[in-house]
Amino acid sequence: MAITVRNGVACCLVLARRGFAEVTAERLELSLEPGRATIGAERCCLPIAPGEWLVLEQWRADGGLRMQLEGDAAGLAYVSDQSHGRQVIRVAGPAARDLLGRGCRLDLHPRKCRPGFCAATSIAEYACALVQVDAVPSFDLVVAAGYAESFWLWLTDHAAMFGYRAAIETVDRP
């Protein structure tokens, strides 16, 4: 069981221009289904509002995620790099649902919450995007960088009762 700050994640917000949500989703292979993320080997795409997605990928020094999305979505959507304004925290292990349930109002029961489930929500009054990335279960929580330390303290404090250990991944990035 682990809680990990994932520093090596690039994050971009994709906003489809009016009337272009479907073609943007098709071209970028994004889900239009509310609450259903597209999870690939390299990339995770969360629909967070109609025509709006949060795209997560392993950090590349060349800023490749934003440039690739801008090229693929040219004329269809706006792309904003959110990497420095967001922090991704992963909670993984058998007690992950119970831990997150202490501060989250969502139903995280396995009948409803399976790999690919995602939602914009709040946990312990901190706004975040949540996605279940696998069946372990592992959850990625995307929070504003300005609140990440406070959220981390809340999370690790409550995690102790479930036997979790905390770690911080380090990846050099500008």
N, C-alpha and C. Protein backbone atom coordinates (compact mmCIF):
# COMPACT_ATOMS: atom_id res chain seq x y z
N MET A 1 0.85 -1.17 0.00
CA MET A 1 0.00 0.00 0.00
C MET A 1 0.90 1.23 0.00
N ALA A 2 0.59 2.18 -0.89
CA ALA A 2 1.46 3.35 -0.98
C ALA A 2 0.70 4.59 -1.43
N ILE A 3 1.20 5.72 -0.99
CA ILE A 3 0.75 7.02 -1.47
C ILE A 3 1.99 7.68 -2.07
N THR A 4 1.92 8.07 -3.32
CA THR A 4 3.07 8.59 -4.02
C THR A 4 2.76 9.91 -4.68
N VAL A 5 3.63 10.91 -4.48
CA VAL A 5 3.53 12.15 -5.25
C VAL A 5 4.24 11.86 -6.56
N ARG A 6 3.54 12.03 -7.68
CA ARG A 6 4.10 11.70 -8.98
C ARG A 6 4.58 12.99 -9.66
N ASN A 7 5.84 13.35 -9.43
CA ASN A 7 6.39 14.58 -10.00
C ASN A 7 6.66 14.50 -11.49
N GLY A 8 6.73 13.34 -12.05
CA GLY A 8 7.09 13.18 -13.45
C GLY A 8 5.91 13.14 -14.41
N VAL A 9 4.83 13.85 -14.10
CA VAL A 9 3.64 13.80 -14.93
C VAL A 9 3.39 15.15 -15.59
N ALA A 10 3.23 15.13 -16.90
CA ALA A 10 2.82 16.33 -17.64
C ALA A 10 1.30 16.35 -17.66
N CYS A 11 0.72 17.54 -17.62
CA CYS A 11 -0.72 17.70 -17.54
C CYS A 11 -1.16 18.84 -18.46
N CYS A 12 -2.06 18.54 -19.37
CA CYS A 12 -2.60 19.57 -20.26
C CYS A 12 -4.12 19.56 -20.20
N LEU A 13 -4.69 20.75 -20.31
CA LEU A 13 -6.13 20.91 -20.38
C LEU A 13 -6.48 21.14 -21.85
N VAL A 14 -7.43 20.37 -22.36
CA VAL A 14 -7.89 20.51 -23.74
C VAL A 14 -9.34 21.01 -23.70
N LEU A 15 -9.59 22.14 -24.34
CA LEU A 15 -10.93 22.74 -24.40
C LEU A 15 -11.37 22.79 -25.86
N ALA A 16 -12.38 22.01 -26.20
CA ALA A 16 -12.88 21.98 -27.58
C ALA A 16 -13.59 23.30 -27.90
N ARG A 17 -13.37 23.79 -29.10
CA ARG A 17 -14.11 24.96 -29.54
C ARG A 17 -15.59 24.59 -29.67
N ARG A 18 -16.46 25.59 -29.56
CA ARG A 18 -17.90 25.34 -29.63
C ARG A 18 -18.24 24.56 -30.90
N GLY A 19 -18.96 23.45 -30.71
CA GLY A 19 -19.39 22.62 -31.83
C GLY A 19 -18.35 21.61 -32.30
N PHE A 20 -17.19 21.56 -31.67
CA PHE A 20 -16.11 20.68 -32.12
C PHE A 20 -15.74 19.59 -31.11
N ALA A 21 -16.56 19.37 -30.09
CA ALA A 21 -16.21 18.39 -29.05
C ALA A 21 -16.09 16.98 -29.63
N GLU A 22 -17.04 16.58 -30.46
CA GLU A 22 -17.01 15.21 -30.98
C GLU A 22 -15.81 14.96 -31.89
N VAL A 23 -15.54 15.88 -32.80
CA VAL A 23 -14.41 15.68 -33.71
C VAL A 23 -13.08 15.79 -32.96
N THR A 24 -13.01 16.64 -31.93
CA THR A 24 -11.80 16.73 -31.10
C THR A 24 -11.58 15.41 -30.37
N ALA A 25 -12.63 14.88 -29.78
CA ALA A 25 -12.53 13.60 -29.06
C ALA A 25 -12.09 12.48 -30.00
N GLU A 26 -12.64 12.46 -31.19
CA GLU A 26 -12.27 11.43 -32.16
C GLU A 26 -10.81 11.57 -32.58
N ARG A 27 -10.40 12.77 -32.92
CA ARG A 27 -9.03 12.98 -33.39
C ARG A 27 -8.00 12.70 -32.31
N LEU A 28 -8.29 13.07 -31.06
CA LEU A 28 -7.33 12.89 -29.97
C LEU A 28 -7.55 11.59 -29.18
N GLU A 29 -8.55 10.80 -29.61
CA GLU A 29 -8.89 9.54 -28.95
C GLU A 29 -9.26 9.78 -27.49
N LEU A 30 -10.18 10.71 -27.27
CA LEU A 30 -10.66 11.08 -25.94
C LEU A 30 -12.07 10.54 -25.75
N SER A 31 -12.42 10.26 -24.52
CA SER A 31 -13.76 9.76 -24.21
C SER A 31 -14.75 10.91 -24.14
N LEU A 32 -15.93 10.72 -24.71
CA LEU A 32 -17.03 11.66 -24.56
C LEU A 32 -17.98 11.23 -23.45
N GLU A 33 -17.76 10.02 -22.94
CA GLU A 33 -18.65 9.47 -21.91
C GLU A 33 -18.31 10.07 -20.55
N PRO A 34 -19.25 10.76 -19.92
CA PRO A 34 -18.98 11.33 -18.59
C PRO A 34 -18.58 10.24 -17.60
N GLY A 35 -17.56 10.51 -16.83
CA GLY A 35 -17.13 9.57 -15.81
C GLY A 35 -16.29 8.41 -16.31
N ARG A 36 -15.88 8.43 -17.59
CA ARG A 36 -15.13 7.33 -18.16
C ARG A 36 -13.85 7.87 -18.80
N ALA A 37 -12.70 7.60 -18.18
CA ALA A 37 -11.40 8.04 -18.68
C ALA A 37 -10.91 7.10 -19.78
N THR A 38 -10.05 7.64 -20.63
CA THR A 38 -9.35 6.83 -21.62
C THR A 38 -7.96 6.60 -21.05
N ILE A 39 -7.63 5.34 -20.76
CA ILE A 39 -6.35 5.02 -20.15
C ILE A 39 -5.56 4.15 -21.11
N GLY A 40 -4.43 4.67 -21.55
CA GLY A 40 -3.54 3.93 -22.43
C GLY A 40 -2.23 3.62 -21.73
N ALA A 41 -1.33 3.00 -22.44
CA ALA A 41 -0.03 2.67 -21.86
C ALA A 41 0.76 3.92 -21.50
N GLU A 42 0.61 4.98 -22.29
CA GLU A 42 1.40 6.19 -22.08
C GLU A 42 0.59 7.37 -21.54
N ARG A 43 -0.71 7.36 -21.76
CA ARG A 43 -1.51 8.56 -21.51
C ARG A 43 -2.83 8.21 -20.84
N CYS A 44 -3.29 9.14 -20.00
CA CYS A 44 -4.59 9.03 -19.35
C CYS A 44 -5.36 10.32 -19.65
N CYS A 45 -6.57 10.20 -20.18
CA CYS A 45 -7.37 11.36 -20.56
C CYS A 45 -8.69 11.34 -19.79
N LEU A 46 -8.93 12.39 -19.01
CA LEU A 46 -10.12 12.45 -18.17
C LEU A 46 -11.10 13.49 -18.70
N PRO A 47 -12.32 13.08 -19.05
CA PRO A 47 -13.33 14.09 -19.39
C PRO A 47 -13.80 14.74 -18.10
N ILE A 48 -13.60 16.06 -17.96
CA ILE A 48 -13.97 16.71 -16.71
C ILE A 48 -15.16 17.63 -16.85
N ALA A 49 -15.57 17.91 -18.07
CA ALA A 49 -16.77 18.69 -18.37
C ALA A 49 -17.05 18.47 -19.86
N PRO A 50 -18.25 18.79 -20.35
CA PRO A 50 -18.51 18.62 -21.78
C PRO A 50 -17.50 19.41 -22.62
N GLY A 51 -16.80 18.71 -23.49
CA GLY A 51 -15.82 19.34 -24.36
C GLY A 51 -14.55 19.77 -23.66
N GLU A 52 -14.28 19.21 -22.48
CA GLU A 52 -13.11 19.58 -21.69
C GLU A 52 -12.46 18.33 -21.11
N TRP A 53 -11.15 18.19 -21.33
CA TRP A 53 -10.42 17.01 -20.87
C TRP A 53 -9.13 17.42 -20.19
N LEU A 54 -8.72 16.62 -19.23
CA LEU A 54 -7.42 16.74 -18.59
C LEU A 54 -6.60 15.55 -19.11
N VAL A 55 -5.46 15.83 -19.72
CA VAL A 55 -4.63 14.79 -20.33
C VAL A 55 -3.34 14.68 -19.52
N LEU A 56 -3.05 13.47 -19.04
CA LEU A 56 -1.87 13.19 -18.23
C LEU A 56 -0.95 12.24 -18.98
N GLU A 57 0.35 12.52 -18.90
CA GLU A 57 1.33 11.68 -19.58
C GLU A 57 2.66 11.81 -18.85
N GLN A 58 3.53 10.83 -19.01
CA GLN A 58 4.86 10.93 -18.42
C GLN A 58 5.56 12.17 -18.98
N TRP A 59 6.24 12.91 -18.11
CA TRP A 59 6.91 14.15 -18.48
C TRP A 59 7.99 13.90 -19.53
N ARG A 60 8.02 14.76 -20.57
CA ARG A 60 9.08 14.75 -21.57
C ARG A 60 9.74 16.12 -21.53
N ALA A 61 11.04 16.16 -21.51
CA ALA A 61 11.78 17.42 -21.37
C ALA A 61 11.48 18.40 -22.49
N ASP A 62 11.07 17.92 -23.64
CA ASP A 62 10.83 18.81 -24.78
C ASP A 62 9.44 19.46 -24.75
N GLY A 63 8.66 19.24 -23.68
CA GLY A 63 7.30 19.79 -23.63
C GLY A 63 6.41 19.14 -24.67
N GLY A 64 6.73 17.92 -25.00
CA GLY A 64 6.09 17.22 -26.10
C GLY A 64 4.59 17.03 -26.02
N LEU A 65 4.03 16.88 -24.83
CA LEU A 65 2.59 16.65 -24.72
C LEU A 65 1.82 17.84 -25.26
N ARG A 66 2.13 19.02 -24.80
CA ARG A 66 1.41 20.22 -25.27
C ARG A 66 1.56 20.40 -26.77
N MET A 67 2.79 20.28 -27.26
CA MET A 67 3.03 20.47 -28.70
C MET A 67 2.28 19.43 -29.53
N GLN A 68 2.29 18.18 -29.08
CA GLN A 68 1.59 17.14 -29.82
C GLN A 68 0.08 17.39 -29.84
N LEU A 69 -0.49 17.73 -28.68
CA LEU A 69 -1.93 18.00 -28.60
C LEU A 69 -2.31 19.21 -29.44
N GLU A 70 -1.49 20.26 -29.40
CA GLU A 70 -1.78 21.45 -30.21
C GLU A 70 -1.79 21.12 -31.69
N GLY A 71 -0.83 20.30 -32.12
CA GLY A 71 -0.77 19.90 -33.53
C GLY A 71 -1.97 19.05 -33.92
N ASP A 72 -2.30 18.07 -33.09
CA ASP A 72 -3.40 17.16 -33.40
C ASP A 72 -4.77 17.86 -33.34
N ALA A 73 -4.88 18.88 -32.50
CA ALA A 73 -6.18 19.55 -32.30
C ALA A 73 -6.24 20.92 -32.98
N ALA A 74 -5.32 21.20 -33.88
CA ALA A 74 -5.27 22.51 -34.54
C ALA A 74 -6.62 22.85 -35.17
N GLY A 75 -7.16 24.02 -34.80
CA GLY A 75 -8.43 24.48 -35.31
C GLY A 75 -9.65 23.90 -34.61
N LEU A 76 -9.45 22.93 -33.76
CA LEU A 76 -10.56 22.25 -33.10
C LEU A 76 -10.66 22.58 -31.61
N ALA A 77 -9.51 22.77 -30.97
CA ALA A 77 -9.49 22.93 -29.51
C ALA A 77 -8.32 23.80 -29.08
N TYR A 78 -8.44 24.30 -27.87
CA TYR A 78 -7.37 25.04 -27.24
C TYR A 78 -6.66 24.10 -26.27
N VAL A 79 -5.35 24.24 -26.17
CA VAL A 79 -4.57 23.38 -25.28
C VAL A 79 -3.78 24.27 -24.33
N SER A 80 -3.88 23.98 -23.05
CA SER A 80 -3.17 24.75 -22.04
C SER A 80 -2.34 23.80 -21.18
N ASP A 81 -1.03 24.04 -21.11
CA ASP A 81 -0.16 23.22 -20.28
C ASP A 81 -0.39 23.57 -18.82
N GLN A 82 -0.80 22.59 -18.04
CA GLN A 82 -1.11 22.77 -16.62
C GLN A 82 -0.08 22.08 -15.72
N SER A 83 1.02 21.62 -16.30
CA SER A 83 1.98 20.78 -15.57
C SER A 83 2.51 21.44 -14.31
N HIS A 84 2.79 22.72 -14.35
CA HIS A 84 3.36 23.38 -13.17
C HIS A 84 2.29 23.84 -12.19
N GLY A 85 1.04 23.80 -12.60
CA GLY A 85 -0.05 24.23 -11.73
C GLY A 85 -0.83 23.08 -11.11
N ARG A 86 -0.46 21.86 -11.45
CA ARG A 86 -1.17 20.68 -10.94
C ARG A 86 -0.16 19.70 -10.33
N GLN A 87 -0.64 18.93 -9.39
CA GLN A 87 0.18 17.88 -8.78
C GLN A 87 -0.64 16.60 -8.82
N VAL A 88 0.02 15.51 -9.17
CA VAL A 88 -0.65 14.21 -9.23
C VAL A 88 -0.17 13.35 -8.07
N ILE A 89 -1.12 12.84 -7.32
CA ILE A 89 -0.82 11.96 -6.18
C ILE A 89 -1.53 10.63 -6.43
N ARG A 90 -0.78 9.54 -6.30
CA ARG A 90 -1.36 8.21 -6.49
C ARG A 90 -1.56 7.52 -5.14
N VAL A 91 -2.76 6.99 -4.95
CA VAL A 91 -3.08 6.18 -3.77
C VAL A 91 -3.38 4.79 -4.29
N ALA A 92 -2.60 3.79 -3.84
CA ALA A 92 -2.76 2.43 -4.36
C ALA A 92 -2.77 1.43 -3.22
N GLY A 93 -3.59 0.42 -3.39
CA GLY A 93 -3.62 -0.66 -2.41
C GLY A 93 -5.04 -1.03 -2.02
N PRO A 94 -5.18 -2.14 -1.31
CA PRO A 94 -6.51 -2.65 -0.98
C PRO A 94 -7.38 -1.71 -0.15
N ALA A 95 -6.76 -0.82 0.63
CA ALA A 95 -7.54 0.11 1.47
C ALA A 95 -7.72 1.48 0.82
N ALA A 96 -7.33 1.63 -0.45
CA ALA A 96 -7.40 2.93 -1.11
C ALA A 96 -8.83 3.49 -1.11
N ARG A 97 -9.82 2.65 -1.40
CA ARG A 97 -11.21 3.11 -1.42
C ARG A 97 -11.65 3.62 -0.05
N ASP A 98 -11.27 2.88 1.00
CA ASP A 98 -11.64 3.28 2.36
C ASP A 98 -10.97 4.59 2.75
N LEU A 99 -9.70 4.73 2.40
CA LEU A 99 -8.98 5.96 2.72
C LEU A 99 -9.62 7.15 2.01
N LEU A 100 -9.84 7.04 0.71
CA LEU A 100 -10.42 8.16 -0.04
C LEU A 100 -11.86 8.42 0.41
N GLY A 101 -12.56 7.38 0.80
CA GLY A 101 -13.93 7.53 1.26
C GLY A 101 -14.06 8.35 2.53
N ARG A 102 -12.98 8.51 3.27
CA ARG A 102 -13.01 9.32 4.50
C ARG A 102 -13.20 10.80 4.18
N GLY A 103 -12.86 11.22 2.96
CA GLY A 103 -13.00 12.64 2.64
C GLY A 103 -13.75 12.90 1.36
N CYS A 104 -14.18 11.85 0.67
CA CYS A 104 -14.80 11.99 -0.65
C CYS A 104 -16.29 11.64 -0.58
N ARG A 105 -17.10 12.38 -1.30
CA ARG A 105 -18.55 12.14 -1.30
C ARG A 105 -18.99 11.18 -2.40
N LEU A 106 -18.06 10.74 -3.23
CA LEU A 106 -18.40 9.82 -4.32
C LEU A 106 -18.57 8.40 -3.80
N ASP A 107 -19.37 7.62 -4.51
CA ASP A 107 -19.51 6.19 -4.23
C ASP A 107 -18.34 5.49 -4.90
N LEU A 108 -17.38 5.03 -4.13
CA LEU A 108 -16.19 4.38 -4.68
C LEU A 108 -16.27 2.86 -4.59
N HIS A 109 -17.48 2.32 -4.35
CA HIS A 109 -17.66 0.88 -4.27
C HIS A 109 -17.28 0.25 -5.62
N PRO A 110 -16.63 -0.93 -5.60
CA PRO A 110 -16.19 -1.57 -6.85
C PRO A 110 -17.31 -1.81 -7.87
N ARG A 111 -18.57 -1.89 -7.44
CA ARG A 111 -19.65 -2.06 -8.41
C ARG A 111 -19.78 -0.84 -9.31
N LYS A 112 -19.50 0.34 -8.76
CA LYS A 112 -19.64 1.60 -9.52
C LYS A 112 -18.30 2.14 -10.00
N CYS A 113 -17.27 1.94 -9.21
CA CYS A 113 -15.96 2.54 -9.46
C CYS A 113 -14.98 1.46 -9.89
N ARG A 114 -14.71 1.41 -11.19
CA ARG A 114 -13.82 0.41 -11.79
C ARG A 114 -12.71 1.13 -12.53
N PRO A 115 -11.69 0.40 -13.02
CA PRO A 115 -10.65 1.07 -13.80
C PRO A 115 -11.27 1.90 -14.93
N GLY A 116 -10.82 3.14 -15.02
CA GLY A 116 -11.36 4.07 -16.01
C GLY A 116 -12.37 5.04 -15.43
N PHE A 117 -12.88 4.76 -14.23
CA PHE A 117 -13.81 5.68 -13.58
C PHE A 117 -13.08 6.98 -13.27
N CYS A 118 -13.72 8.10 -13.57
CA CYS A 118 -13.12 9.39 -13.23
C CYS A 118 -14.21 10.39 -12.87
N ALA A 119 -13.81 11.40 -12.11
CA ALA A 119 -14.75 12.44 -11.71
C ALA A 119 -13.99 13.67 -11.23
N ALA A 120 -14.59 14.82 -11.44
CA ALA A 120 -14.12 16.04 -10.80
C ALA A 120 -14.89 16.11 -9.50
N THR A 121 -14.20 16.19 -8.38
CA THR A 121 -14.84 16.11 -7.08
C THR A 121 -14.05 16.90 -6.06
N SER A 122 -14.41 16.73 -4.81
CA SER A 122 -13.58 17.27 -3.73
C SER A 122 -13.31 16.15 -2.74
N ILE A 123 -12.12 16.19 -2.18
CA ILE A 123 -11.73 15.25 -1.14
C ILE A 123 -11.22 16.10 0.01
N ALA A 124 -11.85 15.96 1.16
CA ALA A 124 -11.51 16.76 2.34
C ALA A 124 -11.54 18.25 1.99
N GLU A 125 -12.50 18.64 1.19
CA GLU A 125 -12.72 20.04 0.77
C GLU A 125 -11.67 20.56 -0.21
N TYR A 126 -10.80 19.69 -0.74
CA TYR A 126 -9.83 20.07 -1.76
C TYR A 126 -10.37 19.62 -3.12
N ALA A 127 -10.49 20.55 -4.06
CA ALA A 127 -10.96 20.20 -5.40
C ALA A 127 -9.91 19.34 -6.09
N CYS A 128 -10.37 18.29 -6.74
CA CYS A 128 -9.43 17.43 -7.46
C CYS A 128 -10.16 16.66 -8.56
N ALA A 129 -9.37 16.13 -9.46
CA ALA A 129 -9.86 15.17 -10.44
C ALA A 129 -9.36 13.81 -9.96
N LEU A 130 -10.22 12.82 -9.99
CA LEU A 130 -9.90 11.48 -9.50
C LEU A 130 -10.09 10.51 -10.65
N VAL A 131 -9.16 9.58 -10.82
CA VAL A 131 -9.32 8.53 -11.82
C VAL A 131 -8.78 7.22 -11.24
N GLN A 132 -9.56 6.14 -11.41
CA GLN A 132 -9.07 4.82 -11.02
C GLN A 132 -8.30 4.28 -12.21
N VAL A 133 -6.99 4.04 -12.03
CA VAL A 133 -6.15 3.66 -13.15
C VAL A 133 -5.99 2.16 -13.34
N ASP A 134 -6.29 1.36 -12.29
CA ASP A 134 -6.18 -0.09 -12.43
C ASP A 134 -7.05 -0.79 -11.38
N ALA A 135 -7.01 -2.11 -11.39
CA ALA A 135 -7.85 -2.90 -10.49
C ALA A 135 -7.24 -3.12 -9.11
N VAL A 136 -6.04 -2.65 -8.85
CA VAL A 136 -5.36 -2.89 -7.57
C VAL A 136 -6.24 -2.59 -6.36
N PRO A 137 -6.91 -1.52 -6.15
CA PRO A 137 -7.09 -0.36 -7.02
C PRO A 137 -6.03 0.73 -6.76
N SER A 138 -5.70 1.44 -7.84
CA SER A 138 -4.84 2.61 -7.77
C SER A 138 -5.64 3.79 -8.29
N PHE A 139 -5.55 4.90 -7.57
CA PHE A 139 -6.25 6.13 -7.95
C PHE A 139 -5.23 7.24 -8.13
N ASP A 140 -5.35 7.99 -9.22
CA ASP A 140 -4.58 9.21 -9.39
C ASP A 140 -5.48 10.37 -9.02
N LEU A 141 -4.97 11.27 -8.19
CA LEU A 141 -5.68 12.45 -7.75
C LEU A 141 -4.92 13.66 -8.28
N VAL A 142 -5.57 14.50 -9.04
CA VAL A 142 -4.93 15.68 -9.62
C VAL A 142 -5.46 16.89 -8.86
N VAL A 143 -4.55 17.57 -8.15
CA VAL A 143 -4.93 18.72 -7.33
C VAL A 143 -4.13 19.95 -7.76
N ALA A 144 -4.65 21.12 -7.44
CA ALA A 144 -3.92 22.36 -7.71
C ALA A 144 -2.62 22.35 -6.91
N ALA A 145 -1.53 22.74 -7.55
CA ALA A 145 -0.22 22.70 -6.90
C ALA A 145 -0.19 23.53 -5.62
N GLY A 146 -0.92 24.63 -5.58
CA GLY A 146 -0.94 25.49 -4.41
C GLY A 146 -1.55 24.85 -3.18
N TYR A 147 -2.39 23.82 -3.38
CA TYR A 147 -3.02 23.12 -2.27
C TYR A 147 -2.42 21.74 -2.03
N ALA A 148 -1.46 21.35 -2.86
CA ALA A 148 -0.94 19.98 -2.81
C ALA A 148 -0.32 19.63 -1.46
N GLU A 149 0.42 20.56 -0.87
CA GLU A 149 1.06 20.25 0.42
C GLU A 149 0.02 20.03 1.51
N SER A 150 -0.99 20.91 1.58
CA SER A 150 -2.04 20.73 2.58
C SER A 150 -2.81 19.44 2.36
N PHE A 151 -3.12 19.15 1.09
CA PHE A 151 -3.82 17.92 0.76
C PHE A 151 -2.98 16.71 1.14
N TRP A 152 -1.69 16.75 0.82
CA TRP A 152 -0.75 15.67 1.15
C TRP A 152 -0.76 15.41 2.66
N LEU A 153 -0.73 16.48 3.46
CA LEU A 153 -0.72 16.32 4.92
C LEU A 153 -2.01 15.67 5.41
N TRP A 154 -3.15 16.09 4.85
CA TRP A 154 -4.42 15.47 5.23
C TRP A 154 -4.40 13.98 4.86
N LEU A 155 -3.98 13.70 3.63
CA LEU A 155 -3.99 12.35 3.11
C LEU A 155 -3.07 11.43 3.91
N THR A 156 -1.85 11.86 4.17
CA THR A 156 -0.90 11.00 4.88
C THR A 156 -1.30 10.83 6.35
N ASP A 157 -1.90 11.86 6.93
CA ASP A 157 -2.38 11.75 8.30
C ASP A 157 -3.46 10.68 8.42
N HIS A 158 -4.42 10.69 7.50
CA HIS A 158 -5.50 9.71 7.53
C HIS A 158 -5.03 8.33 7.04
N ALA A 159 -4.00 8.30 6.22
CA ALA A 159 -3.51 7.03 5.67
C ALA A 159 -2.83 6.17 6.73
N ALA A 160 -2.29 6.79 7.75
CA ALA A 160 -1.57 6.04 8.78
C ALA A 160 -2.44 4.95 9.40
N MET A 161 -3.73 5.21 9.58
CA MET A 161 -4.61 4.21 10.19
C MET A 161 -4.84 3.00 9.29
N PHE A 162 -4.52 3.14 8.00
CA PHE A 162 -4.68 2.03 7.07
C PHE A 162 -3.34 1.34 6.76
N GLY A 163 -2.27 1.79 7.40
CA GLY A 163 -0.96 1.18 7.20
C GLY A 163 -0.25 1.61 5.93
N TYR A 164 -0.63 2.74 5.37
CA TYR A 164 0.03 3.22 4.16
C TYR A 164 1.37 3.85 4.47
N ARG A 165 2.27 3.82 3.49
CA ARG A 165 3.52 4.56 3.58
C ARG A 165 3.50 5.60 2.46
N ALA A 166 4.16 6.70 2.69
CA ALA A 166 4.17 7.80 1.72
C ALA A 166 5.55 7.91 1.07
N ALA A 167 5.57 8.29 -0.21
CA ALA A 167 6.83 8.46 -0.93
C ALA A 167 6.66 9.57 -1.96
N ILE A 168 7.77 10.13 -2.36
CA ILE A 168 7.74 11.16 -3.40
C ILE A 168 8.65 10.72 -4.53
N GLU A 169 8.07 10.55 -5.74
CA GLU A 169 8.86 10.26 -6.93
C GLU A 169 9.60 11.51 -7.32
N THR A 170 10.84 11.41 -7.71
CA THR A 170 11.55 12.61 -8.16
C THR A 170 11.94 12.43 -9.62
N VAL A 171 11.58 13.42 -10.40
CA VAL A 171 11.94 13.48 -11.81
C VAL A 171 12.36 14.91 -12.08
N ASP A 172 13.54 15.09 -12.66
CA ASP A 172 13.98 16.44 -12.97
C ASP A 172 13.13 17.00 -14.10
N ARG A 173 12.61 18.18 -13.88
CA ARG A 173 11.88 18.87 -14.93
C ARG A 173 12.04 20.36 -14.69
N PRO A 174 12.02 21.12 -15.78
CA PRO A 174 12.22 22.57 -15.64
C PRO A 174 11.10 23.24 -14.88
